[in-house]
Protein backbone atom coordinates (compact mmCIF):
# COMPACT_ATOMS: atom_id res chain seq x y z
CA MET A 1 -6.49 -27.27 39.28
CA PHE A 2 -4.87 -29.89 41.95
CA THR A 3 -1.02 -30.46 42.39
CA GLN A 4 0.54 -33.49 44.27
CA ILE A 5 3.27 -32.59 46.17
CA GLY A 6 4.59 -35.97 47.79
CA PRO A 7 1.61 -37.26 50.28
CA LEU A 8 0.38 -33.46 50.11
CA SER A 9 -2.07 -31.66 47.88
CA CYS A 10 -2.04 -28.59 46.75
CA PHE A 11 -5.06 -26.39 44.89
CA VAL A 12 -3.99 -23.95 42.80
CA SER A 13 -6.89 -20.78 41.83
CA LYS A 14 -7.67 -20.31 37.95
CA HIS A 15 -6.67 -16.95 39.76
CA SER A 16 -3.56 -17.96 40.47
CA ILE A 17 -2.07 -19.47 36.83
CA PRO A 18 -1.32 -16.73 34.40
CA PRO A 19 -4.00 -14.82 32.80
CA GLU A 20 -1.79 -15.77 29.66
CA MET A 21 -2.71 -19.54 30.48
CA GLU A 22 -6.10 -21.02 29.39
CA PHE A 23 -8.22 -24.15 30.66
CA ASP A 24 -8.72 -26.58 27.28
CA PRO A 25 -11.09 -28.80 28.89
CA ASN A 26 -12.40 -30.30 24.71
CA SER A 27 -8.42 -31.55 24.81
CA THR A 28 -7.35 -34.98 25.44
CA PRO A 29 -6.19 -34.82 28.28
CA PRO A 30 -8.06 -31.90 29.34
CA SER A 31 -4.91 -29.38 29.94
CA TYR A 32 -3.88 -25.31 30.31
CA THR A 33 -2.50 -23.89 27.10
CA THR A 34 -1.00 -20.70 26.12
CA ALA A 35 -2.75 -19.07 23.14
CA ASP A 36 0.52 -20.19 21.01
CA GLN A 37 0.25 -23.67 22.61
CA ASP A 38 4.28 -23.10 22.93
CA VAL A 39 3.44 -24.47 27.19
CA VAL A 40 0.99 -27.00 27.36
CA ILE A 41 0.34 -28.24 31.04
CA GLN A 42 -1.42 -31.40 31.71
CA GLU A 43 -2.00 -34.21 34.27
CA LYS A 44 1.42 -35.73 34.99
CA ASP A 45 3.17 -33.05 34.24
CA SER A 46 5.51 -31.35 36.23
CA ILE A 47 5.26 -27.53 37.11
CA ARG A 48 6.69 -24.95 39.79
CA LEU A 49 4.37 -23.60 42.47
CA ARG A 50 5.00 -21.41 45.07
CA ILE A 51 2.94 -22.65 48.61
CA VAL A 52 1.07 -19.63 49.96
CA GLY A 53 -1.37 -21.35 52.62
CA THR A 54 -1.67 -24.62 54.57
CA ARG A 55 -4.31 -26.07 56.62
CA VAL A 56 -3.81 -29.20 58.71
CA ASP A 57 -6.76 -31.36 60.06
CA ALA A 58 -6.87 -34.51 62.10
CA ASN A 59 -5.70 -36.81 58.89
CA ASP A 60 -4.41 -34.10 55.87
CA ILE A 61 -2.34 -31.75 55.23
CA PHE A 62 -4.05 -29.20 52.62
CA ALA A 63 -2.03 -26.50 50.84
CA VAL A 64 -2.86 -23.16 48.45
CA GLY A 65 -0.41 -22.61 45.35
CA THR A 66 0.49 -20.03 42.86
CA THR A 67 1.82 -20.11 39.56
CA ASN A 68 1.72 -16.10 39.40
CA GLY A 69 4.81 -14.87 38.83
CA LEU A 70 7.11 -18.21 38.06
CA ILE A 71 8.28 -19.78 35.33
CA ILE A 72 6.27 -22.94 34.46
CA LEU A 73 8.06 -26.13 33.52
CA ALA A 74 5.72 -28.70 31.48
CA MET A 75 7.42 -31.43 30.74
């Protein structure tokens, strides 16, 4: 999953998303959901994540994040 934090692009690996969240490519729009569909994360939703690493190159700043161990705030 890729997120935008202002001008910063942040990648969250599927290994850094809680195991109870599963990607559903057939939903419209594609989303991550819990089995009981109590939590749904889709494009344009706000989530809480932790930045665990950054990289700066000549033109951009990139980050790697995790949602493991955090309460997910899907809006």
